[in-house]
């Protein structure tokens, strides 16, 4: 993302992008934001890495919801 901004003539530090991204996530991601903040160094982590972690978490949640719905429909 910072490379896209740079191609447009704006230089944005990766750290700033990561922090803005995490602070702008919906409340349902609050646990993931806290985990990322504790597990990785926000000064050095790549934006793509953070996005990948959030996407993986979101997929896991969706899978759990589908399994829960399917079990509820069987009863």
PDB file of N, CA and C in Angstrom:
ATOM      1  N   UNK A   1       0.820  -1.182   0.000  1.00  0.00           N
ATOM      2  CA  UNK A   1       0.000   0.000   0.000  1.00  0.00           C
ATOM      3  C   UNK A   1       0.867   1.252   0.000  1.00  0.00           C
ATOM      4  N   UNK A   2       1.941   1.245   0.779  1.00  0.00           N
ATOM      5  CA  UNK A   2       2.807   2.420   0.799  1.00  0.00           C
ATOM      6  C   UNK A   2       3.456   2.631  -0.557  1.00  0.00           C
ATOM      7  N   UNK A   3       3.700   1.545  -1.310  1.00  0.00           N
ATOM      8  CA  UNK A   3       4.273   1.703  -2.646  1.00  0.00           C
ATOM      9  C   UNK A   3       3.258   2.317  -3.598  1.00  0.00           C
ATOM     10  N   UNK A   4       1.976   1.992  -3.427  1.00  0.00           N
ATOM     11  CA  UNK A   4       0.937   2.615  -4.243  1.00  0.00           C
ATOM     12  C   UNK A   4       0.859   4.106  -3.954  1.00  0.00           C
ATOM     13  N   UNK A   5       0.937   4.464  -2.684  1.00  0.00           N
ATOM     14  CA  UNK A   5       0.903   5.878  -2.311  1.00  0.00           C
ATOM     15  C   UNK A   5       2.123   6.596  -2.864  1.00  0.00           C
ATOM     16  N   UNK A   6       3.267   5.937  -2.831  1.00  0.00           N
ATOM     17  CA  UNK A   6       4.496   6.543  -3.347  1.00  0.00           C
ATOM     18  C   UNK A   6       4.391   6.778  -4.844  1.00  0.00           C
ATOM     19  N   UNK A   7       3.748   5.866  -5.559  1.00  0.00           N
ATOM     20  CA  UNK A   7       3.595   6.048  -7.001  1.00  0.00           C
ATOM     21  C   UNK A   7       2.693   7.232  -7.319  1.00  0.00           C
ATOM     22  N   UNK A   8       1.863   7.606  -6.374  1.00  0.00           N
ATOM     23  CA  UNK A   8       0.999   8.771  -6.549  1.00  0.00           C
ATOM     24  C   UNK A   8       1.666  10.051  -6.057  1.00  0.00           C
ATOM     25  N   UNK A   9       2.897   9.929  -5.591  1.00  0.00           N
ATOM     26  CA  UNK A   9       3.647  11.103  -5.163  1.00  0.00           C
ATOM     27  C   UNK A   9       3.591  11.370  -3.674  1.00  0.00           C
ATOM     28  N   UNK A  10       2.990  10.477  -2.917  1.00  0.00           N
ATOM     29  CA  UNK A  10       2.879  10.656  -1.472  1.00  0.00           C
ATOM     30  C   UNK A  10       3.664   9.557  -0.773  1.00  0.00           C
ATOM     31  N   UNK A  11       4.501   9.933   0.165  1.00  0.00           N
ATOM     32  CA  UNK A  11       5.269   8.945   0.918  1.00  0.00           C
ATOM     33  C   UNK A  11       4.622   8.782   2.288  1.00  0.00           C
ATOM     34  N   UNK A  12       4.162   7.580   2.553  1.00  0.00           N
ATOM     35  CA  UNK A  12       3.516   7.275   3.828  1.00  0.00           C
ATOM     36  C   UNK A  12       4.270   6.117   4.459  1.00  0.00           C
ATOM     37  N   UNK A  13       4.622   6.272   5.703  1.00  0.00           N
ATOM     38  CA  UNK A  13       5.341   5.207   6.397  1.00  0.00           C
ATOM     39  C   UNK A  13       4.425   4.009   6.613  1.00  0.00           C
ATOM     40  N   UNK A  14       4.990   2.820   6.414  1.00  0.00           N
ATOM     41  CA  UNK A  14       4.245   1.574   6.598  1.00  0.00           C
ATOM     42  C   UNK A  14       3.654   1.499   8.007  1.00  0.00           C
ATOM     43  N   UNK A  15       4.409   1.941   8.992  1.00  0.00           N
ATOM     44  CA  UNK A  15       3.960   1.915  10.386  1.00  0.00           C
ATOM     45  C   UNK A  15       2.672   2.721  10.546  1.00  0.00           C
ATOM     46  N   UNK A  16       2.611   3.859   9.916  1.00  0.00           N
ATOM     47  CA  UNK A  16       1.428   4.718  10.023  1.00  0.00           C
ATOM     48  C   UNK A  16       0.220   4.059   9.353  1.00  0.00           C
ATOM     49  N   UNK A  17       0.459   3.428   8.211  1.00  0.00           N
ATOM     50  CA  UNK A  17      -0.623   2.744   7.504  1.00  0.00           C
ATOM     51  C   UNK A  17      -1.172   1.607   8.359  1.00  0.00           C
ATOM     52  N   UNK A  18      -0.287   0.829   8.958  1.00  0.00           N
ATOM     53  CA  UNK A  18      -0.704  -0.297   9.804  1.00  0.00           C
ATOM     54  C   UNK A  18      -1.541   0.205  10.973  1.00  0.00           C
ATOM     55  N   UNK A  19      -1.084   1.228  11.644  1.00  0.00           N
ATOM     56  CA  UNK A  19      -1.821   1.749  12.805  1.00  0.00           C
ATOM     57  C   UNK A  19      -3.184   2.297  12.402  1.00  0.00           C
ATOM     58  N   UNK A  20      -3.254   3.010  11.285  1.00  0.00           N
ATOM     59  CA  UNK A  20      -4.535   3.553  10.818  1.00  0.00           C
ATOM     60  C   UNK A  20      -5.489   2.424  10.432  1.00  0.00           C
ATOM     61  N   UNK A  21      -4.947   1.418   9.772  1.00  0.00           N
ATOM     62  CA  UNK A  21      -5.766   0.275   9.373  1.00  0.00           C
ATOM     63  C   UNK A  21      -6.361  -0.413  10.600  1.00  0.00           C
ATOM     64  N   UNK A  22      -5.527  -0.709  11.572  1.00  0.00           N
ATOM     65  CA  UNK A  22      -5.997  -1.401  12.774  1.00  0.00           C
ATOM     66  C   UNK A  22      -7.004  -0.562  13.550  1.00  0.00           C
ATOM     67  N   UNK A  23      -6.782   0.729  13.617  1.00  0.00           N
ATOM     68  CA  UNK A  23      -7.705   1.584  14.370  1.00  0.00           C
ATOM     69  C   UNK A  23      -9.031   1.777  13.637  1.00  0.00           C
ATOM     70  N   UNK A  24      -9.053   1.524  12.338  1.00  0.00           N
ATOM     71  CA  UNK A  24     -10.273   1.699  11.562  1.00  0.00           C
ATOM     72  C   UNK A  24     -11.110   0.441  11.399  1.00  0.00           C
ATOM     73  N   UNK A  25     -10.640  -0.668  11.947  1.00  0.00           N
ATOM     74  CA  UNK A  25     -11.395  -1.917  11.818  1.00  0.00           C
ATOM     75  C   UNK A  25     -12.654  -1.887  12.677  1.00  0.00           C
ATOM     76  N   UNK A  26     -13.698  -2.596  12.239  1.00  0.00           N
ATOM     77  CA  UNK A  26     -14.927  -2.673  13.038  1.00  0.00           C
ATOM     78  C   UNK A  26     -14.671  -3.305  14.406  1.00  0.00           C
ATOM     79  N   UNK A  27     -15.556  -3.043  15.324  1.00  0.00           N
ATOM     80  CA  UNK A  27     -15.404  -3.497  16.705  1.00  0.00           C
ATOM     81  C   UNK A  27     -15.289  -5.022  16.827  1.00  0.00           C
ATOM     82  N   UNK A  28     -15.881  -5.743  15.898  1.00  0.00           N
ATOM     83  CA  UNK A  28     -15.825  -7.214  15.997  1.00  0.00           C
ATOM     84  C   UNK A  28     -14.401  -7.750  15.879  1.00  0.00           C
ATOM     85  N   UNK A  29     -13.466  -6.911  15.423  1.00  0.00           N
ATOM     86  CA  UNK A  29     -12.071  -7.319  15.298  1.00  0.00           C
ATOM     87  C   UNK A  29     -11.221  -6.875  16.485  1.00  0.00           C
ATOM     88  N   UNK A  30     -11.838  -6.382  17.544  1.00  0.00           N
ATOM     89  CA  UNK A  30     -11.096  -5.816  18.667  1.00  0.00           C
ATOM     90  C   UNK A  30     -10.117  -6.828  19.271  1.00  0.00           C
ATOM     91  N   UNK A  31     -10.511  -8.086  19.342  1.00  0.00           N
ATOM     92  CA  UNK A  31      -9.620  -9.111  19.903  1.00  0.00           C
ATOM     93  C   UNK A  31      -8.414  -9.340  18.996  1.00  0.00           C
ATOM     94  N   UNK A  32      -8.648  -9.322  17.702  1.00  0.00           N
ATOM     95  CA  UNK A  32      -7.552  -9.526  16.755  1.00  0.00           C
ATOM     96  C   UNK A  32      -6.603  -8.335  16.762  1.00  0.00           C
ATOM     97  N   UNK A  33      -7.151  -7.132  16.854  1.00  0.00           N
ATOM     98  CA  UNK A  33      -6.313  -5.931  16.914  1.00  0.00           C
ATOM     99  C   UNK A  33      -5.416  -5.990  18.145  1.00  0.00           C
ATOM    100  N   UNK A  34      -5.984  -6.388  19.271  1.00  0.00           N
ATOM    101  CA  UNK A  34      -5.193  -6.505  20.499  1.00  0.00           C
ATOM    102  C   UNK A  34      -4.108  -7.562  20.348  1.00  0.00           C
ATOM    103  N   UNK A  35      -4.444  -8.681  19.737  1.00  0.00           N
ATOM    104  CA  UNK A  35      -3.459  -9.752  19.540  1.00  0.00           C
ATOM    105  C   UNK A  35      -2.324  -9.307  18.630  1.00  0.00           C
ATOM    106  N   UNK A  36      -2.669  -8.685  17.528  1.00  0.00           N
ATOM    107  CA  UNK A  36      -1.639  -8.213  16.598  1.00  0.00           C
ATOM    108  C   UNK A  36      -0.733  -7.215  17.300  1.00  0.00           C
ATOM    109  N   UNK A  37      -1.329  -6.323  18.073  1.00  0.00           N
ATOM    110  CA  UNK A  37      -0.543  -5.326  18.792  1.00  0.00           C
ATOM    111  C   UNK A  37       0.429  -5.931  19.788  1.00  0.00           C
ATOM    112  N   UNK A  38       0.080  -7.085  20.341  1.00  0.00           N
ATOM    113  CA  UNK A  38       0.945  -7.737  21.321  1.00  0.00           C
ATOM    114  C   UNK A  38       1.943  -8.700  20.689  1.00  0.00           C
ATOM    115  N   UNK A  39       1.570  -9.307  19.572  1.00  0.00           N
ATOM    116  CA  UNK A  39       2.396 -10.363  18.995  1.00  0.00           C
ATOM    117  C   UNK A  39       3.433  -9.887  17.983  1.00  0.00           C
ATOM    118  N   UNK A  40       3.176  -8.771  17.346  1.00  0.00           N
ATOM    119  CA  UNK A  40       4.121  -8.290  16.332  1.00  0.00           C
ATOM    120  C   UNK A  40       4.585  -6.884  16.681  1.00  0.00           C
ATOM    121  N   UNK A  41       5.713  -6.525  16.148  1.00  0.00           N
ATOM    122  CA  UNK A  41       6.242  -5.175  16.341  1.00  0.00           C
ATOM    123  C   UNK A  41       5.603  -4.272  15.296  1.00  0.00           C
ATOM    124  N   UNK A  42       4.707  -3.398  15.727  1.00  0.00           N
ATOM    125  CA  UNK A  42       3.985  -2.540  14.793  1.00  0.00           C
ATOM    126  C   UNK A  42       4.902  -1.565  14.059  1.00  0.00           C
ATOM    127  N   UNK A  43       6.113  -1.406  14.554  1.00  0.00           N
ATOM    128  CA  UNK A  43       7.063  -0.516  13.887  1.00  0.00           C
ATOM    129  C   UNK A  43       7.709  -1.179  12.676  1.00  0.00           C
ATOM    130  N   UNK A  44       7.718  -2.512  12.655  1.00  0.00           N
ATOM    131  CA  UNK A  44       8.413  -3.209  11.575  1.00  0.00           C
ATOM    132  C   UNK A  44       7.525  -4.139  10.755  1.00  0.00           C
ATOM    133  N   UNK A  45       6.327  -4.438  11.221  1.00  0.00           N
ATOM    134  CA  UNK A  45       5.462  -5.377  10.512  1.00  0.00           C
ATOM    135  C   UNK A  45       4.970  -4.758   9.200  1.00  0.00           C
ATOM    136  N   UNK A  46       4.887  -5.588   8.176  1.00  0.00           N
ATOM    137  CA  UNK A  46       4.405  -5.134   6.874  1.00  0.00           C
ATOM    138  C   UNK A  46       2.878  -5.063   6.878  1.00  0.00           C
ATOM    139  N   UNK A  47       2.354  -4.098   6.157  1.00  0.00           N
ATOM    140  CA  UNK A  47       0.910  -3.926   6.042  1.00  0.00           C
ATOM    141  C   UNK A  47       0.266  -5.207   5.507  1.00  0.00           C
ATOM    142  N   UNK A  48       0.876  -5.803   4.489  1.00  0.00           N
ATOM    143  CA  UNK A  48       0.329  -7.030   3.901  1.00  0.00           C
ATOM    144  C   UNK A  48       0.257  -8.161   4.917  1.00  0.00           C
ATOM    145  N   UNK A  49       1.206  -8.223   5.822  1.00  0.00           N
ATOM    146  CA  UNK A  49       1.205  -9.243   6.870  1.00  0.00           C
ATOM    147  C   UNK A  49       0.007  -9.043   7.800  1.00  0.00           C
ATOM    148  N   UNK A  50      -0.238  -7.816   8.188  1.00  0.00           N
ATOM    149  CA  UNK A  50      -1.367  -7.516   9.076  1.00  0.00           C
ATOM    150  C   UNK A  50      -2.685  -7.835   8.379  1.00  0.00           C
ATOM    151  N   UNK A  51      -2.810  -7.427   7.125  1.00  0.00           N
ATOM    152  CA  UNK A  51      -4.035  -7.712   6.372  1.00  0.00           C
ATOM    153  C   UNK A  51      -4.239  -9.220   6.250  1.00  0.00           C
ATOM    154  N   UNK A  52      -3.173  -9.952   5.999  1.00  0.00           N
ATOM    155  CA  UNK A  52      -3.267 -11.408   5.910  1.00  0.00           C
ATOM    156  C   UNK A  52      -3.748 -12.033   7.203  1.00  0.00           C
ATOM    157  N   UNK A  53      -3.255 -11.531   8.319  1.00  0.00           N
ATOM    158  CA  UNK A  53      -3.682 -12.056   9.620  1.00  0.00           C
ATOM    159  C   UNK A  53      -5.165 -11.774   9.868  1.00  0.00           C
ATOM    160  N   UNK A  54      -5.604 -10.577   9.521  1.00  0.00           N
ATOM    161  CA  UNK A  54      -7.008 -10.203   9.710  1.00  0.00           C
ATOM    162  C   UNK A  54      -7.902 -11.047   8.797  1.00  0.00           C
ATOM    163  N   UNK A  55      -7.487 -11.244   7.558  1.00  0.00           N
ATOM    164  CA  UNK A  55      -8.270 -12.063   6.627  1.00  0.00           C
ATOM    165  C   UNK A  55      -8.378 -13.500   7.125  1.00  0.00           C
ATOM    166  N   UNK A  56      -7.285 -14.052   7.613  1.00  0.00           N
ATOM    167  CA  UNK A  56      -7.299 -15.421   8.136  1.00  0.00           C
ATOM    168  C   UNK A  56      -8.257 -15.527   9.321  1.00  0.00           C
ATOM    169  N   UNK A  57      -8.234 -14.534  10.196  1.00  0.00           N
ATOM    170  CA  UNK A  57      -9.127 -14.512  11.352  1.00  0.00           C
ATOM    171  C   UNK A  57     -10.585 -14.447  10.886  1.00  0.00           C
ATOM    172  N   UNK A  58     -10.850 -13.586   9.917  1.00  0.00           N
ATOM    173  CA  UNK A  58     -12.209 -13.423   9.415  1.00  0.00           C
ATOM    174  C   UNK A  58     -12.716 -14.724   8.785  1.00  0.00           C
ATOM    175  N   UNK A  59     -11.878 -15.401   8.024  1.00  0.00           N
ATOM    176  CA  UNK A  59     -12.255 -16.679   7.426  1.00  0.00           C
ATOM    177  C   UNK A  59     -12.556 -17.724   8.499  1.00  0.00           C
ATOM    178  N   UNK A  60     -11.739 -17.749   9.535  1.00  0.00           N
ATOM    179  CA  UNK A  60     -11.943 -18.689  10.630  1.00  0.00           C
ATOM    180  C   UNK A  60     -13.295 -18.441  11.302  1.00  0.00           C
ATOM    181  N   UNK A  61     -13.616 -17.186  11.529  1.00  0.00           N
ATOM    182  CA  UNK A  61     -14.891 -16.832  12.162  1.00  0.00           C
ATOM    183  C   UNK A  61     -16.059 -17.237  11.267  1.00  0.00           C
ATOM    184  N   UNK A  62     -15.948 -16.959   9.966  1.00  0.00           N
ATOM    185  CA  UNK A  62     -17.020 -17.325   9.035  1.00  0.00           C
ATOM    186  C   UNK A  62     -17.229 -18.836   9.009  1.00  0.00           C
ATOM    187  N   UNK A  63     -16.133 -19.591   8.989  1.00  0.00           N
ATOM    188  CA  UNK A  63     -16.237 -21.052   8.997  1.00  0.00           C
ATOM    189  C   UNK A  63     -16.932 -21.547  10.258  1.00  0.00           C
ATOM    190  N   UNK A  64     -16.593 -20.972  11.398  1.00  0.00           N
ATOM    191  CA  UNK A  64     -17.219 -21.370  12.662  1.00  0.00           C
ATOM    192  C   UNK A  64     -18.706 -21.038  12.664  1.00  0.00           C
ATOM    193  N   UNK A  65     -19.071 -19.880  12.107  1.00  0.00           N
ATOM    194  CA  UNK A  65     -20.477 -19.495  12.044  1.00  0.00           C
ATOM    195  C   UNK A  65     -21.257 -20.440  11.137  1.00  0.00           C
ATOM    196  N   UNK A  66     -20.658 -20.823  10.003  1.00  0.00           N
ATOM    197  CA  UNK A  66     -21.319 -21.758   9.095  1.00  0.00           C
ATOM    198  C   UNK A  66     -21.525 -23.113   9.754  1.00  0.00           C
ATOM    199  N   UNK A  67     -20.521 -23.593  10.456  1.00  0.00           N
ATOM    200  CA  UNK A  67     -20.639 -24.873  11.154  1.00  0.00           C
ATOM    201  C   UNK A  67     -21.718 -24.798  12.224  1.00  0.00           C
ATOM    202  N   UNK A  68     -21.763 -23.683  12.921  1.00  0.00           N
ATOM    203  CA  UNK A  68     -22.768 -23.485  13.963  1.00  0.00           C
ATOM    204  C   UNK A  68     -24.170 -23.458  13.358  1.00  0.00           C
ATOM    205  N   UNK A  69     -24.322 -22.750  12.239  1.00  0.00           N
ATOM    206  CA  UNK A  69     -25.619 -22.686  11.562  1.00  0.00           C
ATOM    207  C   UNK A  69     -26.044 -24.058  11.050  1.00  0.00           C
ATOM    208  N   UNK A  70     -25.105 -24.790  10.477  1.00  0.00           N
ATOM    209  CA  UNK A  70     -25.415 -26.122   9.952  1.00  0.00           C
ATOM    210  C   UNK A  70     -25.829 -27.073  11.063  1.00  0.00           C
ATOM    211  N   UNK A  71     -25.198 -27.003  12.204  1.00  0.00           N
ATOM    212  CA  UNK A  71     -25.563 -27.859  13.329  1.00  0.00           C
ATOM    213  C   UNK A  71     -26.931 -27.478  13.868  1.00  0.00           C
ATOM    214  N   UNK A  72     -27.238 -26.191  13.867  1.00  0.00           N
ATOM    215  CA  UNK A  72     -28.536 -25.726  14.336  1.00  0.00           C
ATOM    216  C   UNK A  72     -29.661 -26.152  13.412  1.00  0.00           C
ATOM    217  N   UNK A  73     -29.392 -26.212  12.114  1.00  0.00           N
ATOM    218  CA  UNK A  73     -30.410 -26.622  11.147  1.00  0.00           C
ATOM    219  C   UNK A  73     -30.699 -28.116  11.207  1.00  0.00           C
ATOM    220  N   UNK A  74     -29.758 -28.905  11.675  1.00  0.00           N
ATOM    221  CA  UNK A  74     -29.937 -30.357  11.748  1.00  0.00           C
ATOM    222  C   UNK A  74     -30.856 -30.756  12.888  1.00  0.00           C
ATOM    223  N   UNK A  75     -30.989 -29.908  13.874  1.00  0.00           N
ATOM    224  CA  UNK A  75     -31.791 -30.257  15.049  1.00  0.00           C
ATOM    225  C   UNK A  75     -33.226 -29.959  14.834  1.00  0.00           C
TER     226      UNK A  75
END
